[in-house]
PDB file of N, CA and C in Angstrom:
ATOM      1  N   MET A   1       8.184  46.672  58.821  1.00  0.00           N
ATOM      2  CA  MET A   1       8.897  47.172  57.692  1.00  0.00           C
ATOM      3  C   MET A   1       8.043  47.284  56.406  1.00  0.00           C
ATOM      4  N   LEU A   2       6.798  46.730  56.379  1.00  0.00           N
ATOM      5  CA  LEU A   2       5.813  46.904  55.208  1.00  0.00           C
ATOM      6  C   LEU A   2       5.330  48.472  55.296  1.00  0.00           C
ATOM      7  N   LEU A   3       5.396  48.924  56.311  1.00  0.00           N
ATOM      8  CA  LEU A   3       4.976  50.457  56.479  1.00  0.00           C
ATOM      9  C   LEU A   3       6.117  51.287  55.696  1.00  0.00           C
ATOM     10  N   ILE A   4       7.184  50.924  55.717  1.00  0.00           N
ATOM     11  CA  ILE A   4       8.218  51.818  55.094  1.00  0.00           C
ATOM     12  C   ILE A   4       8.277  51.338  53.789  1.00  0.00           C
ATOM     13  N   THR A   5       8.118  50.347  53.072  1.00  0.00           N
ATOM     14  CA  THR A   5       7.965  50.162  51.738  1.00  0.00           C
ATOM     15  C   THR A   5       6.652  50.760  51.276  1.00  0.00           C
ATOM     16  N   ALA A   6       5.695  50.946  51.705  1.00  0.00           N
ATOM     17  CA  ALA A   6       4.575  51.512  51.352  1.00  0.00           C
ATOM     18  C   ALA A   6       4.760  52.960  50.980  1.00  0.00           C
ATOM     19  N   VAL A   7       5.563  53.649  51.539  1.00  0.00           N
ATOM     20  CA  VAL A   7       5.900  55.219  51.614  1.00  0.00           C
ATOM     21  C   VAL A   7       6.437  55.427  50.465  1.00  0.00           C
ATOM     22  N   ARG A   8       6.073  56.388  49.458  1.00  0.00           N
ATOM     23  CA  ARG A   8       6.847  56.769  48.197  1.00  0.00           C
ATOM     24  C   ARG A   8       7.911  57.382  48.199  1.00  0.00           C
ATOM     25  N   SER A   9       8.010  58.456  48.972  1.00  0.00           N
ATOM     26  CA  SER A   9       9.475  59.155  48.834  1.00  0.00           C
ATOM     27  C   SER A   9      10.381  58.582  49.711  1.00  0.00           C
ATOM     28  N   PRO A  10      11.617  58.600  49.355  1.00  0.00           N
ATOM     29  CA  PRO A  10      12.818  58.167  50.204  1.00  0.00           C
ATOM     30  C   PRO A  10      12.850  59.098  51.474  1.00  0.00           C
ATOM     31  N   VAL A  11      12.731  60.266  51.287  1.00  0.00           N
ATOM     32  CA  VAL A  11      12.541  61.083  52.450  1.00  0.00           C
ATOM     33  C   VAL A  11      11.476  60.773  53.676  1.00  0.00           C
ATOM     34  N   GLU A  12      10.399  60.303  53.138  1.00  0.00           N
ATOM     35  CA  GLU A  12       9.382  60.012  54.032  1.00  0.00           C
ATOM     36  C   GLU A  12       9.575  58.688  54.806  1.00  0.00           C
ATOM     37  N   ALA A  13      10.456  58.004  53.936  1.00  0.00           N
ATOM     38  CA  ALA A  13      10.768  56.368  54.221  1.00  0.00           C
ATOM     39  C   ALA A  13      11.747  56.569  55.288  1.00  0.00           C
ATOM     40  N   ALA A  14      12.504  57.340  55.350  1.00  0.00           N
ATOM     41  CA  ALA A  14      13.768  57.686  56.165  1.00  0.00           C
ATOM     42  C   ALA A  14      13.088  58.336  57.467  1.00  0.00           C
ATOM     43  N   ALA A  15      12.210  59.053  57.440  1.00  0.00           N
ATOM     44  CA  ALA A  15      11.490  59.623  58.678  1.00  0.00           C
ATOM     45  C   ALA A  15      10.665  58.634  59.373  1.00  0.00           C
ATOM     46  N   THR A  16      10.076  57.744  58.448  1.00  0.00           N
ATOM     47  CA  THR A  16       9.061  56.745  59.186  1.00  0.00           C
ATOM     48  C   THR A  16      10.182  55.792  59.568  1.00  0.00           C
ATOM     49  N   LEU A  17      11.182  55.545  59.244  1.00  0.00           N
ATOM     50  CA  LEU A  17      12.197  54.642  59.971  1.00  0.00           C
ATOM     51  C   LEU A  17      12.896  55.132  61.151  1.00  0.00           C
ATOM     52  N   ALA A  18      12.979  56.504  61.170  1.00  0.00           N
ATOM     53  CA  ALA A  18      13.628  57.285  62.340  1.00  0.00           C
ATOM     54  C   ALA A  18      12.393  57.203  63.424  1.00  0.00           C
ATOM     55  N   VAL A  19      11.180  57.098  63.382  1.00  0.00           N
ATOM     56  CA  VAL A  19      10.285  57.084  64.308  1.00  0.00           C
ATOM     57  C   VAL A  19       9.978  55.659  64.590  1.00  0.00           C
ATOM     58  N   PHE A  20       9.933  54.794  63.740  1.00  0.00           N
ATOM     59  CA  PHE A  20       9.644  53.334  63.914  1.00  0.00           C
ATOM     60  C   PHE A  20      10.674  52.698  64.858  1.00  0.00           C
ATOM     61  N   ALA A  21      11.948  52.836  64.489  1.00  0.00           N
ATOM     62  CA  ALA A  21      13.009  52.242  65.363  1.00  0.00           C
ATOM     63  C   ALA A  21      12.911  52.633  66.813  1.00  0.00           C
ATOM     64  N   PRO A  22      13.333  53.749  67.196  1.00  0.00           N
ATOM     65  CA  PRO A  22      13.189  54.172  68.472  1.00  0.00           C
ATOM     66  C   PRO A  22      11.912  53.690  69.292  1.00  0.00           C
ATOM     67  N   ALA A  23      10.599  53.665  68.805  1.00  0.00           N
ATOM     68  CA  ALA A  23       9.184  53.288  69.305  1.00  0.00           C
ATOM     69  C   ALA A  23       9.427  51.755  69.570  1.00  0.00           C
ATOM     70  N   THR A  24      10.176  51.102  68.520  1.00  0.00           N
ATOM     71  CA  THR A  24      10.132  49.762  68.503  1.00  0.00           C
ATOM     72  C   THR A  24      11.003  49.374  69.898  1.00  0.00           C
ATOM     73  N   MET A  25      12.193  49.978  69.893  1.00  0.00           N
ATOM     74  CA  MET A  25      13.051  50.059  71.091  1.00  0.00           C
ATOM     75  C   MET A  25      12.337  50.040  72.515  1.00  0.00           C
ATOM     76  N   VAL A  26      11.784  51.240  72.611  1.00  0.00           N
ATOM     77  CA  VAL A  26      11.072  51.337  73.837  1.00  0.00           C
ATOM     78  C   VAL A  26      10.079  50.581  74.042  1.00  0.00           C
ATOM     79  N   SER A  27       9.104  50.207  73.236  1.00  0.00           N
ATOM     80  CA  SER A  27       8.184  49.232  73.550  1.00  0.00           C
ATOM     81  C   SER A  27       8.790  47.850  73.972  1.00  0.00           C
ATOM     82  N   MET A  28       9.715  47.623  73.285  1.00  0.00           N
ATOM     83  CA  MET A  28      10.285  45.984  73.674  1.00  0.00           C
ATOM     84  C   MET A  28      10.956  46.390  74.965  1.00  0.00           C
ATOM     85  N   THR A  29      11.666  47.379  75.291  1.00  0.00           N
ATOM     86  CA  THR A  29      12.126  47.728  76.615  1.00  0.00           C
ATOM     87  C   THR A  29      10.996  47.558  77.697  1.00  0.00           C
ATOM     88  N   ALA A  30       9.652  48.130  77.405  1.00  0.00           N
ATOM     89  CA  ALA A  30       8.749  48.147  78.507  1.00  0.00           C
ATOM     90  C   ALA A  30       8.370  47.026  78.603  1.00  0.00           C
ATOM     91  N   PHE A  31       8.069  46.218  77.566  1.00  0.00           N
ATOM     92  CA  PHE A  31       7.535  44.942  77.831  1.00  0.00           C
ATOM     93  C   PHE A  31       8.416  43.743  78.552  1.00  0.00           C
ATOM     94  N   THR A  32       9.786  44.014  78.194  1.00  0.00           N
ATOM     95  CA  THR A  32      10.729  43.184  79.088  1.00  0.00           C
ATOM     96  C   THR A  32      10.829  43.609  80.415  1.00  0.00           C
ATOM     97  N   GLY A  33      10.737  44.997  80.558  1.00  0.00           N
ATOM     98  CA  GLY A  33      10.668  45.336  82.059  1.00  0.00           C
ATOM     99  C   GLY A  33       9.677  44.708  82.832  1.00  0.00           C
ATOM    100  N   ALA A  34       8.506  44.876  82.291  1.00  0.00           N
ATOM    101  CA  ALA A  34       7.177  44.303  82.711  1.00  0.00           C
ATOM    102  C   ALA A  34       7.330  42.860  83.095  1.00  0.00           C
ATOM    103  N   PHE A  35       7.867  41.983  81.940  1.00  0.00           N
ATOM    104  CA  PHE A  35       7.855  40.692  82.476  1.00  0.00           C
ATOM    105  C   PHE A  35       8.975  40.306  83.571  1.00  0.00           C
ATOM    106  N   ALA A  36      10.209  41.279  83.582  1.00  0.00           N
ATOM    107  CA  ALA A  36      11.157  41.013  84.565  1.00  0.00           C
ATOM    108  C   ALA A  36      10.591  41.516  86.099  1.00  0.00           C
ATOM    109  N   TRP A  37       9.655  42.466  86.023  1.00  0.00           N
ATOM    110  CA  TRP A  37       9.277  42.790  87.072  1.00  0.00           C
ATOM    111  C   TRP A  37       8.076  41.740  87.800  1.00  0.00           C
ATOM    112  N   ALA A  38       7.347  41.421  86.787  1.00  0.00           N
ATOM    113  CA  ALA A  38       6.426  40.205  87.353  1.00  0.00           C
ATOM    114  C   ALA A  38       7.213  39.013  87.890  1.00  0.00           C
ATOM    115  N   LEU A  39       8.035  38.622  87.132  1.00  0.00           N
ATOM    116  CA  LEU A  39       8.885  37.367  87.369  1.00  0.00           C
ATOM    117  C   LEU A  39       9.894  37.662  88.503  1.00  0.00           C
ATOM    118  N   GLY A  40      10.149  38.806  88.790  1.00  0.00           N
ATOM    119  CA  GLY A  40      10.874  38.945  89.917  1.00  0.00           C
ATOM    120  C   GLY A  40      10.106  38.852  91.308  1.00  0.00           C
ATOM    121  N   ARG A  41       8.866  39.150  91.331  1.00  0.00           N
ATOM    122  CA  ARG A  41       8.042  38.959  92.589  1.00  0.00           C
ATOM    123  C   ARG A  41       7.997  37.469  92.879  1.00  0.00           C
ATOM    124  N   ALA A  42       8.252  37.373  94.072  1.00  0.00           N
ATOM    125  CA  ALA A  42       8.193  35.967  94.813  1.00  0.00           C
ATOM    126  C   ALA A  42       6.853  35.132  94.614  1.00  0.00           C
ATOM    127  N   GLY A  43       5.625  35.908  94.783  1.00  0.00           N
ATOM    128  CA  GLY A  43       4.328  35.402  94.907  1.00  0.00           C
ATOM    129  C   GLY A  43       4.013  34.796  93.388  1.00  0.00           C
ATOM    130  N   TYR A  44       4.206  35.803  92.440  1.00  0.00           N
ATOM    131  CA  TYR A  44       3.882  35.586  90.950  1.00  0.00           C
ATOM    132  C   TYR A  44       4.761  34.552  90.280  1.00  0.00           C
ATOM    133  N   ARG A  45       5.777  33.887  90.643  1.00  0.00           N
ATOM    134  CA  ARG A  45       6.947  33.188  89.999  1.00  0.00           C
ATOM    135  C   ARG A  45       6.331  31.798  89.866  1.00  0.00           C
ATOM    136  N   PRO A  46       5.943  31.228  90.860  1.00  0.00           N
ATOM    137  CA  PRO A  46       5.329  29.701  90.711  1.00  0.00           C
ATOM    138  C   PRO A  46       4.089  29.705  89.673  1.00  0.00           C
ATOM    139  N   VAL A  47       3.512  30.772  89.308  1.00  0.00           N
ATOM    140  CA  VAL A  47       2.260  30.799  88.406  1.00  0.00           C
ATOM    141  C   VAL A  47       2.615  31.431  87.058  1.00  0.00           C
ATOM    142  N   LEU A  48       3.450  32.411  87.024  1.00  0.00           N
ATOM    143  CA  LEU A  48       3.616  33.118  85.519  1.00  0.00           C
ATOM    144  C   LEU A  48       4.924  32.221  85.019  1.00  0.00           C
ATOM    145  N   VAL A  49       5.757  31.456  85.587  1.00  0.00           N
ATOM    146  CA  VAL A  49       6.852  30.883  84.887  1.00  0.00           C
ATOM    147  C   VAL A  49       6.587  29.773  84.079  1.00  0.00           C
ATOM    148  N   PRO A  50       5.775  28.881  84.826  1.00  0.00           N
ATOM    149  CA  PRO A  50       5.102  27.560  83.997  1.00  0.00           C
ATOM    150  C   PRO A  50       3.914  28.071  82.910  1.00  0.00           C
ATOM    151  N   ALA A  51       3.272  29.291  83.202  1.00  0.00           N
ATOM    152  CA  ALA A  51       2.074  29.572  82.416  1.00  0.00           C
ATOM    153  C   ALA A  51       2.997  30.291  80.916  1.00  0.00           C
ATOM    154  N   ILE A  52       3.894  31.017  81.118  1.00  0.00           N
ATOM    155  CA  ILE A  52       4.756  31.599  80.180  1.00  0.00           C
ATOM    156  C   ILE A  52       5.358  30.447  79.221  1.00  0.00           C
ATOM    157  N   GLY A  53       6.031  29.386  79.938  1.00  0.00           N
ATOM    158  CA  GLY A  53       6.387  28.061  79.507  1.00  0.00           C
ATOM    159  C   GLY A  53       5.521  27.459  78.455  1.00  0.00           C
ATOM    160  N   ALA A  54       4.200  27.358  79.173  1.00  0.00           N
ATOM    161  CA  ALA A  54       3.172  26.619  78.387  1.00  0.00           C
ATOM    162  C   ALA A  54       2.703  27.232  77.155  1.00  0.00           C
ATOM    163  N   PHE A  55       2.697  28.582  77.322  1.00  0.00           N
ATOM    164  CA  PHE A  55       2.201  29.280  76.130  1.00  0.00           C
ATOM    165  C   PHE A  55       3.116  29.302  74.925  1.00  0.00           C
ATOM    166  N   GLY A  56       4.689  29.432  75.385  1.00  0.00           N
ATOM    167  CA  GLY A  56       5.567  29.231  74.582  1.00  0.00           C
ATOM    168  C   GLY A  56       5.687  27.968  73.800  1.00  0.00           C
ATOM    169  N   LEU A  57       5.376  26.997  74.482  1.00  0.00           N
ATOM    170  CA  LEU A  57       5.412  25.772  73.723  1.00  0.00           C
ATOM    171  C   LEU A  57       4.238  25.587  72.865  1.00  0.00           C
ATOM    172  N   VAL A  58       3.129  25.767  73.202  1.00  0.00           N
ATOM    173  CA  VAL A  58       1.846  25.642  72.513  1.00  0.00           C
ATOM    174  C   VAL A  58       1.899  26.495  71.314  1.00  0.00           C
ATOM    175  N   PHE A  59       2.203  27.893  71.335  1.00  0.00           N
ATOM    176  CA  PHE A  59       2.767  28.731  70.254  1.00  0.00           C
ATOM    177  C   PHE A  59       3.443  28.209  69.103  1.00  0.00           C
ATOM    178  N   GLY A  60       4.597  27.738  69.753  1.00  0.00           N
ATOM    179  CA  GLY A  60       5.603  27.038  68.671  1.00  0.00           C
ATOM    180  C   GLY A  60       5.027  25.940  67.995  1.00  0.00           C
ATOM    181  N   LEU A  61       4.287  24.930  68.816  1.00  0.00           N
ATOM    182  CA  LEU A  61       3.630  23.995  68.117  1.00  0.00           C
ATOM    183  C   LEU A  61       2.668  24.418  67.004  1.00  0.00           C
ATOM    184  N   TRP A  62       1.786  25.460  67.249  1.00  0.00           N
ATOM    185  CA  TRP A  62       1.062  25.862  66.366  1.00  0.00           C
ATOM    186  C   TRP A  62       1.516  26.613  65.210  1.00  0.00           C
ATOM    187  N   TYR A  63       2.518  27.382  65.549  1.00  0.00           N
ATOM    188  CA  TYR A  63       3.418  27.967  64.406  1.00  0.00           C
ATOM    189  C   TYR A  63       4.110  26.927  63.556  1.00  0.00           C
ATOM    190  N   ALA A  64       4.541  25.849  64.057  1.00  0.00           N
ATOM    191  CA  ALA A  64       5.154  24.630  63.125  1.00  0.00           C
ATOM    192  C   ALA A  64       4.115  23.785  62.570  1.00  0.00           C
ATOM    193  N   GLY A  65       2.863  24.373  62.789  1.00  0.00           N
ATOM    194  CA  GLY A  65       1.752  23.451  62.087  1.00  0.00           C
ATOM    195  C   GLY A  65       1.418  22.035  62.796  1.00  0.00           C
ATOM    196  N   LEU A  66       1.727  21.817  64.167  1.00  0.00           N
ATOM    197  CA  LEU A  66       1.736  20.615  64.683  1.00  0.00           C
ATOM    198  C   LEU A  66       0.510  20.568  65.627  1.00  0.00           C
ATOM    199  N   THR A  67      -0.466  21.392  65.549  1.00  0.00           N
ATOM    200  CA  THR A  67      -1.600  21.334  66.562  1.00  0.00           C
ATOM    201  C   THR A  67      -2.646  21.318  65.534  1.00  0.00           C
TER     202      THR A  67
END
């Protein structure tokens, strides 16, 4: 959203938002689909699920300033 606030013209800001919002939706859908595909494979599940959980836990602790 900082990109939109940096644009001077309201028309340019609206155009930036019109491009930014759909691109964000597409990228989020692609990443979610990739994770779903990887976690749906039986061979990857025992490795990826704990790894993603551990990453989420460590990131949360780091973000909270506890590490």
